[in-house]
Amino acid sequence: VPMTQAAASVSPSIRPASGGTVASQLRTSPAVLAAIDTIVKEAQAKSALVTDVRAADPALKVSYDALMARAADVRGRGLLYPYIGSGIGNGALVELADGSVKWDMICGIGVHYFGHSDSELIREALHGSMDDTLKHGNLQSNMEAYEFAEVICAEARKSSRLKYAYVSTAGAMANENAIKVCYQKAAPAGVRVLAFKDCFMGRTVTMAQI
């Protein structure tokens, strides 16, 4: 459908107010902002209850064993660690679905190094959940991806000559893209990759081979 035709078919009742978009109305809605504040405050209050290491709740053993069995069944083998989180924690402390609380010494291999139940991340996630899509790709993207890239570039330029940023879904894909950039930059010459012995580059085929 041509854009002019599509625009003409929009009902006047859902057109954005003058000078703004429907999305901006949603994001600045007092009802939405108040609801997000309520959720964040409630999450903070519950997170504050996780204060120290504790043993598992015997009453949850059967249900936890059942969760472990379900996880093993759907993935085809048992979990590497007997870990299924409850969905809440407090900084480096994390509650498991068996009611126990443990120190998180792995941080998802560095992925969630902001800690568990971080209130700022919860707030941003709630705002982000209102986007119309889950992924910002190179063909279809909202501005948030580029705003994030601007932050990365501004920080990197403090101690480097980095000019551009491309937001990817994981470290392995970042490495894949870096190698592609090197291929394009060096073409038609070949590219050599230096790697430490027994290093971990990522889980893609190329990264696993390296």
C-alpha atoms as a PDB file:
ATOM      1  CA  VAL A   1       0.000   0.000   0.000  1.00  0.00           C
ATOM      2  CA  PRO A   2       1.484   3.413  -0.929  1.00  0.00           C
ATOM      3  CA  MET A   3       2.403   5.477   2.113  1.00  0.00           C
ATOM      4  CA  THR A   4       0.027   8.291   1.153  1.00  0.00           C
ATOM      5  CA  GLN A   5      -2.847   5.856   0.826  1.00  0.00           C
ATOM      6  CA  ALA A   6      -1.965   4.172   4.128  1.00  0.00           C
ATOM      7  CA  ALA A   7      -1.805   7.526   5.893  1.00  0.00           C
ATOM      8  CA  ALA A   8      -5.153   8.571   4.485  1.00  0.00           C
ATOM      9  CA  SER A   9      -6.744   5.396   5.838  1.00  0.00           C
ATOM     10  CA  VAL A  10      -5.807   6.167   9.444  1.00  0.00           C
ATOM     11  CA  SER A  11      -8.790   7.075  11.560  1.00  0.00           C
ATOM     12  CA  PRO A  12      -8.673  10.667  12.907  1.00  0.00           C
ATOM     13  CA  SER A  13      -9.405   9.261  16.382  1.00  0.00           C
ATOM     14  CA  ILE A  14      -6.007   7.550  16.550  1.00  0.00           C
ATOM     15  CA  ARG A  15      -3.933  10.200  14.846  1.00  0.00           C
ATOM     16  CA  PRO A  16      -1.168  11.639  17.065  1.00  0.00           C
ATOM     17  CA  ALA A  17      -1.722  15.015  18.680  1.00  0.00           C
ATOM     18  CA  SER A  18      -0.224  17.992  16.909  1.00  0.00           C
ATOM     19  CA  GLY A  19       3.555  18.027  17.272  1.00  0.00           C
ATOM     20  CA  GLY A  20       3.852  14.468  18.576  1.00  0.00           C
ATOM     21  CA  THR A  21       3.369  10.788  17.794  1.00  0.00           C
ATOM     22  CA  VAL A  22       1.006   8.250  19.293  1.00  0.00           C
ATOM     23  CA  ALA A  23       4.061   6.526  20.746  1.00  0.00           C
ATOM     24  CA  SER A  24       5.192   9.701  22.510  1.00  0.00           C
ATOM     25  CA  GLN A  25       1.714  10.023  23.998  1.00  0.00           C
ATOM     26  CA  LEU A  26       2.036   6.497  25.376  1.00  0.00           C
ATOM     27  CA  ARG A  27       5.539   7.003  26.755  1.00  0.00           C
ATOM     28  CA  THR A  28       4.628  10.254  28.518  1.00  0.00           C
ATOM     29  CA  SER A  29       1.230   9.129  29.728  1.00  0.00           C
ATOM     30  CA  PRO A  30       0.858   9.958  33.465  1.00  0.00           C
ATOM     31  CA  ALA A  31      -0.953   6.641  33.948  1.00  0.00           C
ATOM     32  CA  VAL A  32       1.920   4.692  32.358  1.00  0.00           C
ATOM     33  CA  LEU A  33       4.619   6.563  34.297  1.00  0.00           C
ATOM     34  CA  ALA A  34       2.763   6.079  37.580  1.00  0.00           C
ATOM     35  CA  ALA A  35       2.319   2.363  36.880  1.00  0.00           C
ATOM     36  CA  ILE A  36       6.030   1.955  36.122  1.00  0.00           C
ATOM     37  CA  ASP A  37       6.942   3.774  39.351  1.00  0.00           C
ATOM     38  CA  THR A  38       4.637   1.443  41.277  1.00  0.00           C
ATOM     39  CA  ILE A  39       6.161  -1.694  39.750  1.00  0.00           C
ATOM     40  CA  VAL A  40       9.740  -0.502  40.333  1.00  0.00           C
ATOM     41  CA  LYS A  41       9.049   0.402  43.965  1.00  0.00           C
ATOM     42  CA  GLU A  42       7.374  -2.962  44.579  1.00  0.00           C
ATOM     43  CA  ALA A  43      10.294  -4.800  42.963  1.00  0.00           C
ATOM     44  CA  GLN A  44      12.737  -2.817  45.131  1.00  0.00           C
ATOM     45  CA  ALA A  45      10.784  -3.698  48.268  1.00  0.00           C
ATOM     46  CA  LYS A  46      10.753  -7.415  47.460  1.00  0.00           C
ATOM     47  CA  SER A  47      14.410  -7.382  46.379  1.00  0.00           C
ATOM     48  CA  ALA A  48      15.361  -5.815  49.728  1.00  0.00           C
ATOM     49  CA  LEU A  49      14.072  -8.978  51.441  1.00  0.00           C
ATOM     50  CA  VAL A  50      16.965 -10.920  49.897  1.00  0.00           C
ATOM     51  CA  THR A  51      19.679 -10.024  52.400  1.00  0.00           C
ATOM     52  CA  ASP A  52      21.896 -13.076  52.919  1.00  0.00           C
ATOM     53  CA  VAL A  53      22.606 -16.639  51.882  1.00  0.00           C
ATOM     54  CA  ARG A  54      19.990 -19.154  53.007  1.00  0.00           C
ATOM     55  CA  ALA A  55      19.267 -22.838  52.548  1.00  0.00           C
ATOM     56  CA  ALA A  56      16.561 -24.215  50.307  1.00  0.00           C
ATOM     57  CA  ASP A  57      13.013 -24.464  51.600  1.00  0.00           C
ATOM     58  CA  PRO A  58      12.251 -28.176  52.162  1.00  0.00           C
ATOM     59  CA  ALA A  59       8.646 -27.540  51.156  1.00  0.00           C
ATOM     60  CA  LEU A  60       9.841 -26.528  47.670  1.00  0.00           C
ATOM     61  CA  LYS A  61      12.077 -29.554  47.029  1.00  0.00           C
ATOM     62  CA  VAL A  62       9.493 -31.562  45.083  1.00  0.00           C
ATOM     63  CA  SER A  63       8.451 -28.632  42.906  1.00  0.00           C
ATOM     64  CA  TYR A  64      12.104 -27.664  42.304  1.00  0.00           C
ATOM     65  CA  ASP A  65      13.011 -31.223  41.304  1.00  0.00           C
ATOM     66  CA  ALA A  66      10.077 -31.134  38.900  1.00  0.00           C
ATOM     67  CA  LEU A  67      11.369 -27.885  37.358  1.00  0.00           C
ATOM     68  CA  MET A  68      14.825 -29.431  36.951  1.00  0.00           C
ATOM     69  CA  ALA A  69      13.279 -32.462  35.241  1.00  0.00           C
ATOM     70  CA  ARG A  70      11.246 -30.246  32.890  1.00  0.00           C
ATOM     71  CA  ALA A  71      14.352 -28.233  31.984  1.00  0.00           C
ATOM     72  CA  ALA A  72      16.349 -31.415  31.316  1.00  0.00           C
ATOM     73  CA  ASP A  73      13.516 -32.920  29.272  1.00  0.00           C
ATOM     74  CA  VAL A  74      13.100 -29.946  26.958  1.00  0.00           C
ATOM     75  CA  ARG A  75      16.841 -29.458  26.365  1.00  0.00           C
ATOM     76  CA  GLY A  76      17.687 -33.160  26.048  1.00  0.00           C
ATOM     77  CA  ARG A  77      20.112 -33.335  28.984  1.00  0.00           C
ATOM     78  CA  GLY A  78      20.469 -32.169  32.557  1.00  0.00           C
ATOM     79  CA  LEU A  79      21.541 -28.644  33.447  1.00  0.00           C
ATOM     80  CA  LEU A  80      25.257 -28.025  33.944  1.00  0.00           C
ATOM     81  CA  TYR A  81      24.466 -26.559  37.369  1.00  0.00           C
ATOM     82  CA  PRO A  82      21.311 -27.296  39.421  1.00  0.00           C
ATOM     83  CA  TYR A  83      20.269 -23.670  39.009  1.00  0.00           C
ATOM     84  CA  ILE A  84      16.832 -22.325  38.191  1.00  0.00           C
ATOM     85  CA  GLY A  85      16.294 -18.791  39.433  1.00  0.00           C
ATOM     86  CA  SER A  86      13.076 -17.594  41.014  1.00  0.00           C
ATOM     87  CA  GLY A  87      13.226 -14.291  39.131  1.00  0.00           C
ATOM     88  CA  ILE A  88      14.462 -12.002  41.894  1.00  0.00           C
ATOM     89  CA  GLY A  89      17.659 -11.169  43.724  1.00  0.00           C
ATOM     90  CA  ASN A  90      19.541  -8.308  45.301  1.00  0.00           C
ATOM     91  CA  GLY A  91      22.810  -7.275  43.712  1.00  0.00           C
ATOM     92  CA  ALA A  92      25.153 -10.258  43.889  1.00  0.00           C
ATOM     93  CA  LEU A  93      22.616 -12.324  45.835  1.00  0.00           C
ATOM     94  CA  VAL A  94      20.148 -14.403  43.866  1.00  0.00           C
ATOM     95  CA  GLU A  95      17.116 -16.402  44.934  1.00  0.00           C
ATOM     96  CA  LEU A  96      16.548 -19.798  43.345  1.00  0.00           C
ATOM     97  CA  ALA A  97      13.178 -21.408  42.740  1.00  0.00           C
ATOM     98  CA  ASP A  98      13.807 -23.751  45.679  1.00  0.00           C
ATOM     99  CA  GLY A  99      13.812 -20.756  48.018  1.00  0.00           C
ATOM    100  CA  SER A 100      17.572 -20.801  48.584  1.00  0.00           C
ATOM    101  CA  VAL A 101      19.725 -17.690  48.226  1.00  0.00           C
ATOM    102  CA  LYS A 102      23.255 -17.885  46.841  1.00  0.00           C
ATOM    103  CA  TRP A 103      26.079 -15.547  45.876  1.00  0.00           C
ATOM    104  CA  ASP A 104      26.207 -15.128  42.102  1.00  0.00           C
ATOM    105  CA  MET A 105      29.876 -15.554  41.190  1.00  0.00           C
ATOM    106  CA  ILE A 106      29.295 -16.055  37.434  1.00  0.00           C
ATOM    107  CA  CYS A 107      27.067 -13.124  36.365  1.00  0.00           C
ATOM    108  CA  GLY A 108      25.902 -15.030  33.289  1.00  0.00           C
ATOM    109  CA  ILE A 109      29.537 -15.052  32.091  1.00  0.00           C
ATOM    110  CA  GLY A 110      29.562 -11.277  32.483  1.00  0.00           C
ATOM    111  CA  VAL A 111      26.180 -10.626  30.898  1.00  0.00           C
ATOM    112  CA  HIS A 112      24.252  -9.391  33.943  1.00  0.00           C
ATOM    113  CA  TYR A 113      27.040  -7.640  35.788  1.00  0.00           C
ATOM    114  CA  PHE A 114      24.675  -4.908  36.994  1.00  0.00           C
ATOM    115  CA  GLY A 115      23.387  -7.453  39.499  1.00  0.00           C
ATOM    116  CA  HIS A 116      20.010  -9.012  40.133  1.00  0.00           C
ATOM    117  CA  SER A 117      16.802  -6.960  40.263  1.00  0.00           C
ATOM    118  CA  ASP A 118      18.558  -3.684  39.453  1.00  0.00           C
ATOM    119  CA  SER A 119      15.857  -1.035  39.737  1.00  0.00           C
ATOM    120  CA  GLU A 120      17.187   1.126  36.894  1.00  0.00           C
ATOM    121  CA  LEU A 121      17.261  -1.829  34.514  1.00  0.00           C
ATOM    122  CA  ILE A 122      13.757  -2.856  35.578  1.00  0.00           C
ATOM    123  CA  ARG A 123      12.540   0.671  34.848  1.00  0.00           C
ATOM    124  CA  GLU A 124      14.203   0.732  31.430  1.00  0.00           C
ATOM    125  CA  ALA A 125      12.877  -2.740  30.628  1.00  0.00           C
ATOM    126  CA  LEU A 126       9.342  -1.620  31.435  1.00  0.00           C
ATOM    127  CA  HIS A 127       9.711   1.397  29.171  1.00  0.00           C
ATOM    128  CA  GLY A 128      11.248  -0.762  26.469  1.00  0.00           C
ATOM    129  CA  SER A 129       8.469  -3.345  26.712  1.00  0.00           C
ATOM    130  CA  MET A 130       6.068  -0.789  25.242  1.00  0.00           C
ATOM    131  CA  ASP A 131       7.937  -0.743  21.929  1.00  0.00           C
ATOM    132  CA  ASP A 132       6.061  -2.242  19.006  1.00  0.00           C
ATOM    133  CA  THR A 133       8.882  -4.703  18.243  1.00  0.00           C
ATOM    134  CA  LEU A 134      11.290  -6.816  20.272  1.00  0.00           C
ATOM    135  CA  LYS A 135      14.291  -6.380  17.978  1.00  0.00           C
ATOM    136  CA  HIS A 136      15.935  -3.357  16.405  1.00  0.00           C
ATOM    137  CA  GLY A 137      17.652  -4.603  13.275  1.00  0.00           C
ATOM    138  CA  ASN A 138      19.466  -2.954  10.418  1.00  0.00           C
ATOM    139  CA  LEU A 139      16.366  -3.007   8.187  1.00  0.00           C
ATOM    140  CA  GLN A 140      13.737  -1.977  10.714  1.00  0.00           C
ATOM    141  CA  SER A 141      14.637  -0.076  13.849  1.00  0.00           C
ATOM    142  CA  ASN A 142      13.385   2.522  16.270  1.00  0.00           C
ATOM    143  CA  MET A 143      15.675   5.296  17.496  1.00  0.00           C
ATOM    144  CA  GLU A 144      16.594   3.635  20.797  1.00  0.00           C
ATOM    145  CA  ALA A 145      19.217   1.435  19.127  1.00  0.00           C
ATOM    146  CA  TYR A 146      20.995   4.468  17.707  1.00  0.00           C
ATOM    147  CA  GLU A 147      20.743   6.386  20.977  1.00  0.00           C
ATOM    148  CA  PHE A 148      22.461   3.452  22.676  1.00  0.00           C
ATOM    149  CA  ALA A 149      25.117   3.410  19.955  1.00  0.00           C
ATOM    150  CA  GLU A 150      25.721   7.128  20.529  1.00  0.00           C
ATOM    151  CA  VAL A 151      26.398   6.453  24.211  1.00  0.00           C
ATOM    152  CA  ILE A 152      28.833   3.656  23.337  1.00  0.00           C
ATOM    153  CA  CYS A 153      30.689   5.867  20.846  1.00  0.00           C
ATOM    154  CA  ALA A 154      30.873   8.791  23.270  1.00  0.00           C
ATOM    155  CA  GLU A 155      32.400   6.571  25.959  1.00  0.00           C
ATOM    156  CA  ALA A 156      34.787   4.847  23.556  1.00  0.00           C
ATOM    157  CA  ARG A 157      36.053   8.147  22.130  1.00  0.00           C
ATOM    158  CA  LYS A 158      37.360   9.124  25.550  1.00  0.00           C
ATOM    159  CA  SER A 159      40.316   6.795  25.001  1.00  0.00           C
ATOM    160  CA  SER A 160      40.169   5.680  21.365  1.00  0.00           C
ATOM    161  CA  ARG A 161      39.482   6.796  17.800  1.00  0.00           C
ATOM    162  CA  LEU A 162      36.308   4.734  17.493  1.00  0.00           C
ATOM    163  CA  LYS A 163      33.802   6.560  15.287  1.00  0.00           C
ATOM    164  CA  TYR A 164      30.956   4.112  14.766  1.00  0.00           C
ATOM    165  CA  ALA A 165      28.968   1.487  16.633  1.00  0.00           C
ATOM    166  CA  TYR A 166      26.718  -1.340  15.529  1.00  0.00           C
ATOM    167  CA  VAL A 167      24.479  -2.876  18.177  1.00  0.00           C
ATOM    168  CA  SER A 168      24.393  -6.683  17.944  1.00  0.00           C
ATOM    169  CA  THR A 169      22.538  -9.355  19.876  1.00  0.00           C
ATOM    170  CA  ALA A 170      25.521 -11.068  21.509  1.00  0.00           C
ATOM    171  CA  GLY A 171      29.288 -11.072  21.848  1.00  0.00           C
ATOM    172  CA  ALA A 172      29.666 -13.842  19.275  1.00  0.00           C
ATOM    173  CA  MET A 173      27.778 -11.782  16.707  1.00  0.00           C
ATOM    174  CA  ALA A 174      29.907  -8.751  17.580  1.00  0.00           C
ATOM    175  CA  ASN A 175      32.998 -10.842  16.840  1.00  0.00           C
ATOM    176  CA  GLU A 176      31.463 -12.148  13.607  1.00  0.00           C
ATOM    177  CA  ASN A 177      30.716  -8.595  12.480  1.00  0.00           C
ATOM    178  CA  ALA A 178      34.234  -7.475  13.428  1.00  0.00           C
ATOM    179  CA  ILE A 179      35.733 -10.162  11.219  1.00  0.00           C
ATOM    180  CA  LYS A 180      33.419  -9.175   8.348  1.00  0.00           C
ATOM    181  CA  VAL A 181      34.549  -5.558   8.722  1.00  0.00           C
ATOM    182  CA  CYS A 182      38.175  -6.744   8.562  1.00  0.00           C
ATOM    183  CA  TYR A 183      37.433  -8.755   5.396  1.00  0.00           C
ATOM    184  CA  GLN A 184      35.879  -5.698   3.740  1.00  0.00           C
ATOM    185  CA  LYS A 185      38.675  -3.391   4.869  1.00  0.00           C
ATOM    186  CA  ALA A 186      41.474  -5.734   3.772  1.00  0.00           C
ATOM    187  CA  ALA A 187      39.935  -7.064   0.540  1.00  0.00           C
ATOM    188  CA  PRO A 188      41.217  -8.583  -1.630  1.00  0.00           C
ATOM    189  CA  ALA A 189      43.892  -9.551   0.909  1.00  0.00           C
ATOM    190  CA  GLY A 190      43.252 -12.293   3.451  1.00  0.00           C
ATOM    191  CA  VAL A 191      42.639 -11.828   7.173  1.00  0.00           C
ATOM    192  CA  ARG A 192      44.415 -13.528  10.068  1.00  0.00           C
ATOM    193  CA  VAL A 193      42.893 -13.778  13.518  1.00  0.00           C
ATOM    194  CA  LEU A 194      45.100 -14.035  16.590  1.00  0.00           C
ATOM    195  CA  ALA A 195      43.576 -15.966  19.501  1.00  0.00           C
ATOM    196  CA  PHE A 196      44.772 -17.304  22.824  1.00  0.00           C
ATOM    197  CA  LYS A 197      45.018 -21.059  23.275  1.00  0.00           C
ATOM    198  CA  ASP A 198      41.840 -22.532  24.816  1.00  0.00           C
ATOM    199  CA  CYS A 199      40.122 -19.159  24.608  1.00  0.00           C
ATOM    200  CA  PHE A 200      36.377 -18.657  24.306  1.00  0.00           C
ATOM    201  CA  MET A 201      35.327 -16.579  21.314  1.00  0.00           C
ATOM    202  CA  GLY A 202      31.619 -17.393  21.120  1.00  0.00           C
ATOM    203  CA  ARG A 203      29.219 -20.154  20.137  1.00  0.00           C
ATOM    204  CA  THR A 204      28.846 -19.578  16.393  1.00  0.00           C
ATOM    205  CA  VAL A 205      30.576 -22.047  14.052  1.00  0.00           C
ATOM    206  CA  THR A 206      33.273 -19.532  13.097  1.00  0.00           C
ATOM    207  CA  MET A 207      33.958 -18.471  16.669  1.00  0.00           C
ATOM    208  CA  ALA A 208      34.027 -22.066  17.909  1.00  0.00           C
ATOM    209  CA  GLN A 209      36.576 -22.941  15.198  1.00  0.00           C
ATOM    210  CA  ILE A 210      38.788 -20.028  16.268  1.00  0.00           C
END
